[in-house]
Amino acid sequence: MITRRSHGMKWIALMAAPAMLLVGCAGESGGGESAEGGTIELTLAHSYNPDQPQDRCGAQVIADEIEKADVGLKIELFPSSQLGGDADRIASVASGDIDIDIQGASALGAVYEPISVLDAAYAFDDAAHLAEFMESDASDVVIDGFAEAAGVYTLGVWSAGARHFTSNTPIRTPDDLSGLRIRFPGSPQFLMNAKALGAQATEVAYEELYLALQQGTVEGQENPITNIKSQNLAEVQDYLSLSAHQLNTNLVIMSSKWNDLSEEQQGALTDAVATAVTEVTTCVADDEEATLEEWRTAGDWEIVADVDVDAFQDKAVAYLEETLTGESLEVFEAIRSTSSK
């Protein structure tokens, strides 16, 4: 069980749209030092490829900042699911076999279902709303609940961009999804999102998505712009509809190894994650802007900017408020309570 300081969890929140960071210094201050003055080596794993912002601007920056801090820590990176898939790595962090991991909120729902609500459709209005929620006391319900259930520390949270629809017909309103077979990831929260948005969900592995669209197994899909580009989906789809129906959230989690670190090392790690979120923010914003400009110039497909986001949001929020129950509903209501809309 995760213990907390008597004065509660201390959060340092930094936000710069479209991504944000929530850094936690939870738990008792670790008094451990590296053995005989040596260096403590920490493993940092994730599922992202080296060309994605989560690695080159996130994990790599954390490792680089720790090296520069020179506090007796070294981070070894294991990208591209080298240490196992999401579910395996979550278990390995809980057991202490992996020290630090970067996970999507939906994946973490396997050990604490309510945290997957951070990936609910239109839970957040935008990145500013995400930051406001994480900085507020309302976020305690999900952060504390996850710590109790998973037995790990949350070092940081960022958004790696919003998810949008692609298809062979423009999607501007919920009615435009009627009858379309849209690929969604197979996690419970993503499948619930599909129903909330009015889509007919079809589960297809991410690695098989291009072929499924090419062959017509599915007629559309949804992903962040960086993923849409990496999969070359403009080759097999005609329209990109900027629905921004979900923020892609990542949590940086750490095992109880946190308690083996000295206060100086904990501070250096916290600062490293804070620096990484700034880099992730810049990377995501720059990548998205450059990609959209490239697509507009090349004319590979039509970018639909006049999506009725309010109609989608109203539909999704109403469905989720009726469908979610227990702690998951409590988390969703806590998120919506901080909305300015």
C-alpha atoms as a PDB file:
ATOM      1  CA  MET A   1       0.000   0.000   0.000  1.00  0.00           C
ATOM      2  CA  ILE A   2       1.228   3.472  -0.848  1.00  0.00           C
ATOM      3  CA  THR A   3       1.776   5.670   2.176  1.00  0.00           C
ATOM      4  CA  ARG A   4       1.436   9.444   2.018  1.00  0.00           C
ATOM      5  CA  ARG A   5       3.028  12.361   3.776  1.00  0.00           C
ATOM      6  CA  SER A   6       1.039  13.658   6.697  1.00  0.00           C
ATOM      7  CA  HIS A   7       0.312  16.868   4.829  1.00  0.00           C
ATOM      8  CA  GLY A   8      -1.016  14.970   1.822  1.00  0.00           C
ATOM      9  CA  MET A   9       0.200  14.514  -1.707  1.00  0.00           C
ATOM     10  CA  LYS A  10       2.219  17.410  -3.039  1.00  0.00           C
ATOM     11  CA  TRP A  11       1.615  18.078  -6.729  1.00  0.00           C
ATOM     12  CA  ILE A  12       3.543  20.281  -9.084  1.00  0.00           C
ATOM     13  CA  ALA A  13       1.339  20.886 -12.108  1.00  0.00           C
ATOM     14  CA  LEU A  14       2.615  22.352 -15.329  1.00  0.00           C
ATOM     15  CA  MET A  15       0.428  22.956 -18.364  1.00  0.00           C
ATOM     16  CA  ALA A  16       1.024  24.159 -21.891  1.00  0.00           C
ATOM     17  CA  ALA A  17      -1.608  23.147 -24.452  1.00  0.00           C
ATOM     18  CA  PRO A  18      -2.041  20.643 -25.900  1.00  0.00           C
ATOM     19  CA  ALA A  19      -0.320  18.546 -23.252  1.00  0.00           C
ATOM     20  CA  MET A  20       0.136  18.809 -19.502  1.00  0.00           C
ATOM     21  CA  LEU A  21       2.014  17.255 -16.625  1.00  0.00           C
ATOM     22  CA  LEU A  22       1.020  16.283 -13.160  1.00  0.00           C
ATOM     23  CA  VAL A  23       4.041  15.456 -11.030  1.00  0.00           C
ATOM     24  CA  GLY A  24       3.504  13.816  -7.689  1.00  0.00           C
ATOM     25  CA  CYS A  25       5.846  13.548  -4.740  1.00  0.00           C
ATOM     26  CA  ALA A  26       3.662  10.976  -3.027  1.00  0.00           C
ATOM     27  CA  GLY A  27       4.724   8.774  -0.159  1.00  0.00           C
ATOM     28  CA  GLU A  28       7.327   8.928   2.543  1.00  0.00           C
ATOM     29  CA  SER A  29      10.600  10.531   1.581  1.00  0.00           C
ATOM     30  CA  GLY A  30      12.969   7.778   0.564  1.00  0.00           C
ATOM     31  CA  GLY A  31      16.120   7.683   2.603  1.00  0.00           C
ATOM     32  CA  GLY A  32      17.871   5.012   0.595  1.00  0.00           C
ATOM     33  CA  GLU A  33      21.185   5.708  -1.080  1.00  0.00           C
ATOM     34  CA  SER A  34      22.954   3.898  -3.872  1.00  0.00           C
ATOM     35  CA  ALA A  35      24.906   0.926  -2.600  1.00  0.00           C
ATOM     36  CA  GLU A  36      28.412   1.857  -1.475  1.00  0.00           C
ATOM     37  CA  GLY A  37      28.190   5.168  -3.259  1.00  0.00           C
ATOM     38  CA  GLY A  38      27.408   3.498  -6.600  1.00  0.00           C
ATOM     39  CA  THR A  39      24.730   4.369  -9.129  1.00  0.00           C
ATOM     40  CA  ILE A  40      21.130   3.187  -8.881  1.00  0.00           C
ATOM     41  CA  GLU A  41      19.965   1.982 -12.273  1.00  0.00           C
ATOM     42  CA  LEU A  42      16.271   2.377 -13.101  1.00  0.00           C
ATOM     43  CA  THR A  43      14.438   0.730 -15.986  1.00  0.00           C
ATOM     44  CA  LEU A  44      11.956   2.858 -17.935  1.00  0.00           C
ATOM     45  CA  ALA A  45       9.722   0.937 -20.333  1.00  0.00           C
ATOM     46  CA  HIS A  46       6.890   1.816 -22.699  1.00  0.00           C
ATOM     47  CA  SER A  47       5.190   0.683 -25.901  1.00  0.00           C
ATOM     48  CA  TYR A  48       5.988   3.654 -28.145  1.00  0.00           C
ATOM     49  CA  ASN A  49       8.427   3.710 -31.054  1.00  0.00           C
ATOM     50  CA  PRO A  50      11.535   5.938 -30.932  1.00  0.00           C
ATOM     51  CA  ASP A  51      10.048   8.368 -33.483  1.00  0.00           C
ATOM     52  CA  GLN A  52       6.975   9.073 -31.321  1.00  0.00           C
ATOM     53  CA  PRO A  53       6.876  12.034 -28.902  1.00  0.00           C
ATOM     54  CA  GLN A  54       6.408   9.784 -25.867  1.00  0.00           C
ATOM     55  CA  ASP A  55       9.871   8.328 -26.474  1.00  0.00           C
ATOM     56  CA  ARG A  56      12.055  10.947 -28.134  1.00  0.00           C
ATOM     57  CA  CYS A  57      10.615  13.891 -26.194  1.00  0.00           C
ATOM     58  CA  GLY A  58       9.430  12.050 -23.087  1.00  0.00           C
ATOM     59  CA  ALA A  59      11.344   8.966 -21.992  1.00  0.00           C
ATOM     60  CA  GLN A  60      14.609  10.024 -23.614  1.00  0.00           C
ATOM     61  CA  VAL A  61      14.442  13.468 -22.037  1.00  0.00           C
ATOM     62  CA  ILE A  62      13.828  11.944 -18.600  1.00  0.00           C
ATOM     63  CA  ALA A  63      16.932   9.780 -19.028  1.00  0.00           C
ATOM     64  CA  ASP A  64      19.025  12.688 -20.307  1.00  0.00           C
ATOM     65  CA  GLU A  65      17.944  15.004 -17.492  1.00  0.00           C
ATOM     66  CA  ILE A  66      18.770  12.380 -14.883  1.00  0.00           C
ATOM     67  CA  GLU A  67      22.240  11.948 -16.392  1.00  0.00           C
ATOM     68  CA  LYS A  68      22.822  15.709 -16.274  1.00  0.00           C
ATOM     69  CA  ALA A  69      21.613  15.901 -12.664  1.00  0.00           C
ATOM     70  CA  ASP A  70      24.460  13.606 -11.565  1.00  0.00           C
ATOM     71  CA  VAL A  71      22.714  12.372  -8.403  1.00  0.00           C
ATOM     72  CA  GLY A  72      23.680   8.713  -8.581  1.00  0.00           C
ATOM     73  CA  LEU A  73      20.838   7.645 -10.866  1.00  0.00           C
ATOM     74  CA  LYS A  74      20.868   6.149 -14.351  1.00  0.00           C
ATOM     75  CA  ILE A  75      17.837   5.312 -16.477  1.00  0.00           C
ATOM     76  CA  GLU A  76      17.908   2.553 -19.089  1.00  0.00           C
ATOM     77  CA  LEU A  77      15.184   2.818 -21.731  1.00  0.00           C
ATOM     78  CA  PHE A  78      13.175  -0.067 -23.165  1.00  0.00           C
ATOM     79  CA  PRO A  79      10.825   1.316 -25.863  1.00  0.00           C
ATOM     80  CA  SER A  80       8.587  -0.535 -28.347  1.00  0.00           C
ATOM     81  CA  SER A  81       7.221  -3.029 -25.799  1.00  0.00           C
ATOM     82  CA  GLN A  82      10.630  -4.673 -25.386  1.00  0.00           C
ATOM     83  CA  LEU A  83       9.705  -5.657 -21.828  1.00  0.00           C
ATOM     84  CA  GLY A  84       6.225  -6.857 -22.726  1.00  0.00           C
ATOM     85  CA  GLY A  85       2.808  -5.545 -23.643  1.00  0.00           C
ATOM     86  CA  ASP A  86       0.850  -3.054 -21.575  1.00  0.00           C
ATOM     87  CA  ALA A  87      -0.747  -5.584 -19.233  1.00  0.00           C
ATOM     88  CA  ASP A  88       2.543  -7.390 -18.614  1.00  0.00           C
ATOM     89  CA  ARG A  89       4.381  -4.164 -17.860  1.00  0.00           C
ATOM     90  CA  ILE A  90       1.736  -2.925 -15.430  1.00  0.00           C
ATOM     91  CA  ALA A  91       2.142  -6.146 -13.456  1.00  0.00           C
ATOM     92  CA  SER A  92       5.935  -5.812 -13.623  1.00  0.00           C
ATOM     93  CA  VAL A  93       5.820  -2.291 -12.175  1.00  0.00           C
ATOM     94  CA  ALA A  94       3.575  -3.470  -9.349  1.00  0.00           C
ATOM     95  CA  SER A  95       5.984  -6.336  -8.591  1.00  0.00           C
ATOM     96  CA  GLY A  96       9.068  -4.111  -8.900  1.00  0.00           C
ATOM     97  CA  ASP A  97      10.538  -5.894 -11.927  1.00  0.00           C
ATOM     98  CA  ILE A  98      10.170  -2.664 -13.950  1.00  0.00           C
ATOM     99  CA  ASP A  99      10.897   0.613 -12.179  1.00  0.00           C
ATOM    100  CA  ILE A 100       9.145   3.196 -14.394  1.00  0.00           C
ATOM    101  CA  ASP A 101       6.591   2.792 -17.160  1.00  0.00           C
ATOM    102  CA  ILE A 102       4.582   5.044 -19.468  1.00  0.00           C
ATOM    103  CA  GLN A 103       1.016   3.796 -19.869  1.00  0.00           C
ATOM    104  CA  GLY A 104      -2.260   4.929 -21.366  1.00  0.00           C
ATOM    105  CA  ALA A 105      -5.097   5.479 -18.913  1.00  0.00           C
ATOM    106  CA  SER A 106      -7.255   2.818 -20.578  1.00  0.00           C
ATOM    107  CA  ALA A 107      -4.538   0.194 -20.137  1.00  0.00           C
ATOM    108  CA  LEU A 108      -4.221   1.064 -16.455  1.00  0.00           C
ATOM    109  CA  GLY A 109      -7.945   0.428 -16.164  1.00  0.00           C
ATOM    110  CA  ALA A 110      -7.046  -3.272 -16.062  1.00  0.00           C
ATOM    111  CA  VAL A 111      -5.829  -2.814 -12.475  1.00  0.00           C
ATOM    112  CA  TYR A 112      -8.090   0.084 -11.455  1.00  0.00           C
ATOM    113  CA  GLU A 113     -11.085   0.493 -13.725  1.00  0.00           C
ATOM    114  CA  PRO A 114     -12.018   4.075 -12.781  1.00  0.00           C
ATOM    115  CA  ILE A 115      -8.704   5.491 -14.053  1.00  0.00           C
ATOM    116  CA  SER A 116      -9.688   4.524 -17.590  1.00  0.00           C
ATOM    117  CA  VAL A 117     -12.325   7.282 -17.386  1.00  0.00           C
ATOM    118  CA  LEU A 118      -9.483   9.727 -18.070  1.00  0.00           C
ATOM    119  CA  ASP A 119      -9.784   8.356 -21.618  1.00  0.00           C
ATOM    120  CA  ALA A 120     -13.562   8.729 -21.802  1.00  0.00           C
ATOM    121  CA  ALA A 121     -14.985  10.515 -24.825  1.00  0.00           C
ATOM    122  CA  TYR A 122     -15.183  14.265 -24.175  1.00  0.00           C
ATOM    123  CA  ALA A 123     -14.449  13.772 -20.481  1.00  0.00           C
ATOM    124  CA  PHE A 124     -12.206  16.788 -20.901  1.00  0.00           C
ATOM    125  CA  ASP A 125     -13.134  19.836 -22.947  1.00  0.00           C
ATOM    126  CA  ASP A 126      -9.517  20.398 -23.900  1.00  0.00           C
ATOM    127  CA  ALA A 127      -5.990  20.258 -22.497  1.00  0.00           C
ATOM    128  CA  ALA A 128      -6.630  23.264 -20.260  1.00  0.00           C
ATOM    129  CA  HIS A 129      -9.520  21.396 -18.643  1.00  0.00           C
ATOM    130  CA  LEU A 130      -7.274  18.371 -18.110  1.00  0.00           C
ATOM    131  CA  ALA A 131      -4.726  20.579 -16.350  1.00  0.00           C
ATOM    132  CA  GLU A 132      -7.389  22.257 -14.230  1.00  0.00           C
ATOM    133  CA  PHE A 133      -8.785  18.915 -13.110  1.00  0.00           C
ATOM    134  CA  MET A 134      -5.394  17.479 -12.206  1.00  0.00           C
ATOM    135  CA  GLU A 135      -4.509  20.583 -10.211  1.00  0.00           C
ATOM    136  CA  SER A 136      -7.786  20.447  -8.281  1.00  0.00           C
ATOM    137  CA  ASP A 137      -8.770  18.427  -5.230  1.00  0.00           C
ATOM    138  CA  ALA A 138     -11.309  16.694  -7.472  1.00  0.00           C
ATOM    139  CA  SER A 139      -8.500  14.612  -8.987  1.00  0.00           C
ATOM    140  CA  ASP A 140      -7.797  12.964  -5.614  1.00  0.00           C
ATOM    141  CA  VAL A 141     -10.593  10.476  -6.188  1.00  0.00           C
ATOM    142  CA  VAL A 142      -8.802   8.868  -9.135  1.00  0.00           C
ATOM    143  CA  ILE A 143      -5.143   9.418  -8.175  1.00  0.00           C
ATOM    144  CA  ASP A 144      -5.606   8.114  -4.639  1.00  0.00           C
ATOM    145  CA  GLY A 145      -7.799   5.256  -5.796  1.00  0.00           C
ATOM    146  CA  PHE A 146      -5.239   4.162  -8.368  1.00  0.00           C
ATOM    147  CA  ALA A 147      -2.406   4.301  -5.830  1.00  0.00           C
ATOM    148  CA  GLU A 148      -4.357   2.145  -3.402  1.00  0.00           C
ATOM    149  CA  ALA A 149      -5.370  -0.400  -6.050  1.00  0.00           C
ATOM    150  CA  ALA A 150      -2.141  -0.633  -8.046  1.00  0.00           C
ATOM    151  CA  GLY A 151       0.482  -0.033  -5.371  1.00  0.00           C
ATOM    152  CA  VAL A 152       2.529   2.309  -7.579  1.00  0.00           C
ATOM    153  CA  TYR A 153       3.411   6.002  -7.629  1.00  0.00           C
ATOM    154  CA  THR A 154       2.180   8.406 -10.299  1.00  0.00           C
ATOM    155  CA  LEU A 155       5.088  10.622 -11.344  1.00  0.00           C
ATOM    156  CA  GLY A 156       3.345  12.472 -14.140  1.00  0.00           C
ATOM    157  CA  VAL A 157       0.469  12.712 -16.594  1.00  0.00           C
ATOM    158  CA  TRP A 158       0.482  14.219 -20.071  1.00  0.00           C
ATOM    159  CA  SER A 159      -1.734  14.227 -23.143  1.00  0.00           C
ATOM    160  CA  ALA A 160      -0.176  13.201 -26.428  1.00  0.00           C
ATOM    161  CA  GLY A 161      -2.780  14.922 -28.547  1.00  0.00           C
ATOM    162  CA  ALA A 162      -6.474  14.491 -29.320  1.00  0.00           C
ATOM    163  CA  ARG A 163      -8.024  11.631 -31.278  1.00  0.00           C
ATOM    164  CA  HIS A 164      -9.836  12.300 -34.568  1.00  0.00           C
ATOM    165  CA  PHE A 165     -11.854  10.302 -37.099  1.00  0.00           C
ATOM    166  CA  THR A 166     -10.747   9.272 -40.578  1.00  0.00           C
ATOM    167  CA  SER A 167     -13.148   7.737 -43.097  1.00  0.00           C
ATOM    168  CA  ASN A 168     -14.162   7.694 -46.739  1.00  0.00           C
ATOM    169  CA  THR A 169     -17.055  10.075 -46.058  1.00  0.00           C
ATOM    170  CA  PRO A 170     -16.908  13.308 -44.037  1.00  0.00           C
ATOM    171  CA  ILE A 171     -17.926  13.034 -40.385  1.00  0.00           C
ATOM    172  CA  ARG A 172     -19.346  16.306 -39.100  1.00  0.00           C
ATOM    173  CA  THR A 173     -22.164  15.200 -36.774  1.00  0.00           C
ATOM    174  CA  PRO A 174     -23.018  12.069 -34.781  1.00  0.00           C
ATOM    175  CA  ASP A 175     -25.526  11.137 -37.494  1.00  0.00           C
ATOM    176  CA  ASP A 176     -22.645  10.806 -39.968  1.00  0.00           C
ATOM    177  CA  LEU A 177     -21.370   7.804 -37.998  1.00  0.00           C
ATOM    178  CA  SER A 178     -24.606   5.891 -38.540  1.00  0.00           C
ATOM    179  CA  GLY A 179     -23.978   2.603 -40.314  1.00  0.00           C
ATOM    180  CA  LEU A 180     -20.195   3.069 -40.528  1.00  0.00           C
ATOM    181  CA  ARG A 181     -17.890   0.319 -39.264  1.00  0.00           C
ATOM    182  CA  ILE A 182     -15.319   2.287 -37.262  1.00  0.00           C
ATOM    183  CA  ARG A 183     -12.237   0.667 -35.792  1.00  0.00           C
ATOM    184  CA  PHE A 184     -11.731   1.303 -32.081  1.00  0.00           C
ATOM    185  CA  PRO A 185      -9.158  -0.247 -29.726  1.00  0.00           C
ATOM    186  CA  GLY A 186     -10.557  -3.206 -27.809  1.00  0.00           C
ATOM    187  CA  SER A 187     -10.349  -1.833 -24.268  1.00  0.00           C
ATOM    188  CA  PRO A 188     -13.650  -1.455 -22.382  1.00  0.00           C
ATOM    189  CA  GLN A 189     -13.369   2.347 -22.219  1.00  0.00           C
ATOM    190  CA  PHE A 190     -12.726   2.737 -25.945  1.00  0.00           C
ATOM    191  CA  LEU A 191     -15.651   0.460 -26.788  1.00  0.00           C
ATOM    192  CA  MET A 192     -17.845   2.480 -24.427  1.00  0.00           C
ATOM    193  CA  ASN A 193     -16.643   5.633 -26.192  1.00  0.00           C
ATOM    194  CA  ALA A 194     -17.812   4.205 -29.505  1.00  0.00           C
ATOM    195  CA  LYS A 195     -21.333   3.717 -28.145  1.00  0.00           C
ATOM    196  CA  ALA A 196     -21.277   7.150 -26.536  1.00  0.00           C
ATOM    197  CA  LEU A 197     -20.399   8.763 -29.868  1.00  0.00           C
ATOM    198  CA  GLY A 198     -22.913   6.701 -31.829  1.00  0.00           C
ATOM    199  CA  ALA A 199     -20.344   4.637 -33.721  1.00  0.00           C
ATOM    200  CA  GLN A 200     -20.459   0.963 -34.686  1.00  0.00           C
ATOM    201  CA  ALA A 201     -17.206  -0.280 -33.208  1.00  0.00           C
ATOM    202  CA  THR A 202     -15.107  -2.973 -34.858  1.00  0.00           C
ATOM    203  CA  GLU A 203     -12.040  -4.296 -33.076  1.00  0.00           C
ATOM    204  CA  VAL A 204      -8.902  -4.502 -35.228  1.00  0.00           C
ATOM    205  CA  ALA A 205      -5.304  -4.756 -34.018  1.00  0.00           C
ATOM    206  CA  TYR A 206      -3.378  -1.522 -34.534  1.00  0.00           C
ATOM    207  CA  GLU A 207      -0.779  -3.366 -36.612  1.00  0.00           C
ATOM    208  CA  GLU A 208      -3.542  -4.597 -38.954  1.00  0.00           C
ATOM    209  CA  LEU A 209      -5.366  -1.267 -39.269  1.00  0.00           C
ATOM    210  CA  TYR A 210      -3.962  -0.169 -42.650  1.00  0.00           C
ATOM    211  CA  LEU A 211      -4.861  -3.470 -44.310  1.00  0.00           C
ATOM    212  CA  ALA A 212      -8.317  -3.524 -42.720  1.00  0.00           C
ATOM    213  CA  LEU A 213      -9.057  -0.059 -44.133  1.00  0.00           C
ATOM    214  CA  GLN A 214      -7.579  -0.948 -47.512  1.00  0.00           C
ATOM    215  CA  GLN A 215      -9.700  -4.090 -47.778  1.00  0.00           C
ATOM    216  CA  GLY A 216     -12.847  -2.447 -46.424  1.00  0.00           C
ATOM    217  CA  THR A 217     -13.079  -4.598 -43.317  1.00  0.00           C
ATOM    218  CA  VAL A 218     -13.630  -1.300 -41.535  1.00  0.00           C
ATOM    219  CA  GLU A 219     -14.703   1.984 -43.103  1.00  0.00           C
ATOM    220  CA  GLY A 220     -13.031   4.363 -40.701  1.00  0.00           C
ATOM    221  CA  GLN A 221     -10.984   4.672 -37.543  1.00  0.00           C
ATOM    222  CA  GLU A 222      -9.912   7.136 -34.844  1.00  0.00           C
ATOM    223  CA  ASN A 223      -6.420   8.014 -33.614  1.00  0.00           C
ATOM    224  CA  PRO A 224      -4.189  10.988 -32.785  1.00  0.00           C
ATOM    225  CA  ILE A 225      -2.635  12.772 -35.742  1.00  0.00           C
ATOM    226  CA  THR A 226       0.818  11.348 -34.987  1.00  0.00           C
ATOM    227  CA  ASN A 227      -0.539   7.796 -35.241  1.00  0.00           C
ATOM    228  CA  ILE A 228      -2.555   8.575 -38.352  1.00  0.00           C
ATOM    229  CA  LYS A 229       0.624   9.818 -40.005  1.00  0.00           C
ATOM    230  CA  SER A 230       2.799   6.915 -38.883  1.00  0.00           C
ATOM    231  CA  GLN A 231       0.252   4.461 -40.317  1.00  0.00           C
ATOM    232  CA  ASN A 232       0.075   6.348 -43.655  1.00  0.00           C
ATOM    233  CA  LEU A 233      -3.711   6.278 -43.473  1.00  0.00           C
ATOM    234  CA  ALA A 234      -4.059   9.079 -46.028  1.00  0.00           C
ATOM    235  CA  GLU A 235      -3.279   6.387 -48.594  1.00  0.00           C
ATOM    236  CA  VAL A 236      -6.446   4.445 -47.739  1.00  0.00           C
ATOM    237  CA  GLN A 237      -8.846   7.119 -46.418  1.00  0.00           C
ATOM    238  CA  ASP A 238     -10.369  10.213 -48.009  1.00  0.00           C
ATOM    239  CA  TYR A 239     -11.330  12.407 -45.045  1.00  0.00           C
ATOM    240  CA  LEU A 240      -9.783  13.473 -41.751  1.00  0.00           C
ATOM    241  CA  SER A 241     -12.501  14.883 -39.462  1.00  0.00           C
ATOM    242  CA  LEU A 242     -11.122  16.969 -36.598  1.00  0.00           C
ATOM    243  CA  SER A 243     -13.517  15.751 -33.919  1.00  0.00           C
ATOM    244  CA  ALA A 244     -11.022  15.865 -31.015  1.00  0.00           C
ATOM    245  CA  HIS A 245     -13.327  13.439 -29.243  1.00  0.00           C
ATOM    246  CA  GLN A 246     -10.782  12.178 -26.720  1.00  0.00           C
ATOM    247  CA  LEU A 247      -7.493  13.342 -25.223  1.00  0.00           C
ATOM    248  CA  ASN A 248      -4.827  10.650 -25.399  1.00  0.00           C
ATOM    249  CA  THR A 249      -3.568  10.456 -21.812  1.00  0.00           C
ATOM    250  CA  ASN A 250      -0.320   8.879 -20.618  1.00  0.00           C
ATOM    251  CA  LEU A 251       0.674   8.314 -17.009  1.00  0.00           C
ATOM    252  CA  VAL A 252       4.296   7.962 -15.900  1.00  0.00           C
ATOM    253  CA  ILE A 253       4.150   5.417 -13.082  1.00  0.00           C
ATOM    254  CA  MET A 254       6.839   4.076 -10.759  1.00  0.00           C
ATOM    255  CA  SER A 255       7.230   1.062  -8.509  1.00  0.00           C
ATOM    256  CA  SER A 256       8.005   1.183  -4.794  1.00  0.00           C
ATOM    257  CA  LYS A 257      11.643   1.681  -5.841  1.00  0.00           C
ATOM    258  CA  TRP A 258      10.742   5.347  -5.309  1.00  0.00           C
ATOM    259  CA  ASN A 259      11.216   4.756  -1.594  1.00  0.00           C
ATOM    260  CA  ASP A 260      14.805   3.575  -2.163  1.00  0.00           C
ATOM    261  CA  LEU A 261      15.770   6.971  -3.574  1.00  0.00           C
ATOM    262  CA  SER A 262      17.214   9.780  -1.523  1.00  0.00           C
ATOM    263  CA  GLU A 263      15.334  13.057  -1.315  1.00  0.00           C
ATOM    264  CA  GLU A 264      17.824  14.562  -3.762  1.00  0.00           C
ATOM    265  CA  GLN A 265      17.246  11.730  -6.221  1.00  0.00           C
ATOM    266  CA  GLN A 266      13.469  11.992  -5.883  1.00  0.00           C
ATOM    267  CA  GLY A 267      13.714  15.706  -6.603  1.00  0.00           C
ATOM    268  CA  ALA A 268      15.892  15.108  -9.656  1.00  0.00           C
ATOM    269  CA  LEU A 269      13.451  12.540 -11.009  1.00  0.00           C
ATOM    270  CA  THR A 270      10.507  14.859 -10.431  1.00  0.00           C
ATOM    271  CA  ASP A 271      12.345  17.670 -12.248  1.00  0.00           C
ATOM    272  CA  ALA A 272      13.259  15.324 -15.107  1.00  0.00           C
ATOM    273  CA  VAL A 273       9.622  14.379 -15.659  1.00  0.00           C
ATOM    274  CA  ALA A 274       8.636  18.050 -15.518  1.00  0.00           C
ATOM    275  CA  THR A 275      11.182  18.843 -18.216  1.00  0.00           C
ATOM    276  CA  ALA A 276       9.977  15.921 -20.302  1.00  0.00           C
ATOM    277  CA  VAL A 277       6.393  17.145 -20.340  1.00  0.00           C
ATOM    278  CA  THR A 278       7.504  20.478 -21.744  1.00  0.00           C
ATOM    279  CA  GLU A 279       9.324  18.636 -24.490  1.00  0.00           C
ATOM    280  CA  VAL A 280       6.365  16.320 -25.153  1.00  0.00           C
ATOM    281  CA  THR A 281       4.098  19.357 -25.340  1.00  0.00           C
ATOM    282  CA  THR A 282       6.337  21.040 -27.898  1.00  0.00           C
ATOM    283  CA  CYS A 283       6.866  17.858 -29.882  1.00  0.00           C
ATOM    284  CA  VAL A 284       3.164  17.046 -30.136  1.00  0.00           C
ATOM    285  CA  ALA A 285       2.200  20.608 -31.080  1.00  0.00           C
ATOM    286  CA  ASP A 286       4.976  20.927 -33.660  1.00  0.00           C
ATOM    287  CA  ASP A 287       4.350  17.475 -35.117  1.00  0.00           C
ATOM    288  CA  GLU A 288       0.627  18.074 -35.468  1.00  0.00           C
ATOM    289  CA  GLU A 289       1.029  21.528 -37.011  1.00  0.00           C
ATOM    290  CA  ALA A 290       3.652  20.319 -39.474  1.00  0.00           C
ATOM    291  CA  THR A 291       1.634  17.247 -40.409  1.00  0.00           C
ATOM    292  CA  LEU A 292      -1.596  19.156 -40.997  1.00  0.00           C
ATOM    293  CA  GLU A 293       0.236  21.724 -43.122  1.00  0.00           C
ATOM    294  CA  GLU A 294       1.884  18.947 -45.108  1.00  0.00           C
ATOM    295  CA  TRP A 295      -1.463  17.274 -45.724  1.00  0.00           C
ATOM    296  CA  ARG A 296      -3.161  20.528 -46.719  1.00  0.00           C
ATOM    297  CA  THR A 297      -0.367  21.335 -49.165  1.00  0.00           C
ATOM    298  CA  ALA A 298      -0.226  17.857 -50.687  1.00  0.00           C
ATOM    299  CA  GLY A 299      -4.004  17.501 -50.859  1.00  0.00           C
ATOM    300  CA  ASP A 300      -3.772  13.796 -50.061  1.00  0.00           C
ATOM    301  CA  TRP A 301      -7.168  13.961 -48.388  1.00  0.00           C
ATOM    302  CA  GLU A 302      -9.763  16.474 -47.283  1.00  0.00           C
ATOM    303  CA  ILE A 303      -9.425  17.855 -43.767  1.00  0.00           C
ATOM    304  CA  VAL A 304     -12.860  18.466 -42.255  1.00  0.00           C
ATOM    305  CA  ALA A 305     -12.508  21.315 -39.765  1.00  0.00           C
ATOM    306  CA  ASP A 306     -16.213  22.175 -39.320  1.00  0.00           C
ATOM    307  CA  VAL A 307     -17.090  19.216 -37.097  1.00  0.00           C
ATOM    308  CA  ASP A 308     -20.010  19.894 -34.731  1.00  0.00           C
ATOM    309  CA  VAL A 309     -17.976  19.159 -31.626  1.00  0.00           C
ATOM    310  CA  ASP A 310     -20.731  20.434 -29.299  1.00  0.00           C
ATOM    311  CA  ALA A 311     -23.193  17.895 -30.708  1.00  0.00           C
ATOM    312  CA  PHE A 312     -20.708  15.069 -30.263  1.00  0.00           C
ATOM    313  CA  GLN A 313     -19.846  16.181 -26.741  1.00  0.00           C
ATOM    314  CA  ASP A 314     -23.465  16.555 -25.629  1.00  0.00           C
ATOM    315  CA  LYS A 315     -24.278  13.075 -26.916  1.00  0.00           C
ATOM    316  CA  ALA A 316     -21.216  11.442 -25.340  1.00  0.00           C
ATOM    317  CA  VAL A 317     -21.511  13.114 -21.949  1.00  0.00           C
ATOM    318  CA  ALA A 318     -25.203  12.236 -21.641  1.00  0.00           C
ATOM    319  CA  TYR A 319     -24.502   8.579 -22.496  1.00  0.00           C
ATOM    320  CA  LEU A 320     -21.581   8.273 -20.098  1.00  0.00           C
ATOM    321  CA  GLU A 321     -23.483   9.884 -17.235  1.00  0.00           C
ATOM    322  CA  GLU A 322     -26.206   7.266 -17.700  1.00  0.00           C
ATOM    323  CA  THR A 323     -23.893   4.293 -18.279  1.00  0.00           C
ATOM    324  CA  LEU A 324     -20.973   4.676 -15.864  1.00  0.00           C
ATOM    325  CA  THR A 325     -21.507   3.431 -12.319  1.00  0.00           C
ATOM    326  CA  GLY A 326     -19.778   3.394  -8.936  1.00  0.00           C
ATOM    327  CA  GLU A 327     -16.296   4.878  -8.697  1.00  0.00           C
ATOM    328  CA  SER A 328     -16.062   5.282 -12.475  1.00  0.00           C
ATOM    329  CA  LEU A 329     -19.102   7.554 -12.442  1.00  0.00           C
ATOM    330  CA  GLU A 330     -17.627   9.403  -9.465  1.00  0.00           C
ATOM    331  CA  VAL A 331     -14.433  10.072 -11.439  1.00  0.00           C
ATOM    332  CA  PHE A 332     -16.375  11.217 -14.502  1.00  0.00           C
ATOM    333  CA  GLU A 333     -18.523  13.558 -12.436  1.00  0.00           C
ATOM    334  CA  ALA A 334     -15.408  14.916 -10.725  1.00  0.00           C
ATOM    335  CA  ILE A 335     -13.895  15.665 -14.134  1.00  0.00           C
ATOM    336  CA  ARG A 336     -17.029  17.313 -15.463  1.00  0.00           C
ATOM    337  CA  SER A 337     -17.383  19.390 -12.274  1.00  0.00           C
ATOM    338  CA  THR A 338     -14.224  21.254 -13.259  1.00  0.00           C
ATOM    339  CA  SER A 339     -15.458  21.990 -16.783  1.00  0.00           C
ATOM    340  CA  SER A 340     -16.107  25.612 -17.681  1.00  0.00           C
ATOM    341  CA  LYS A 341     -18.758  24.605 -20.213  1.00  0.00           C
END
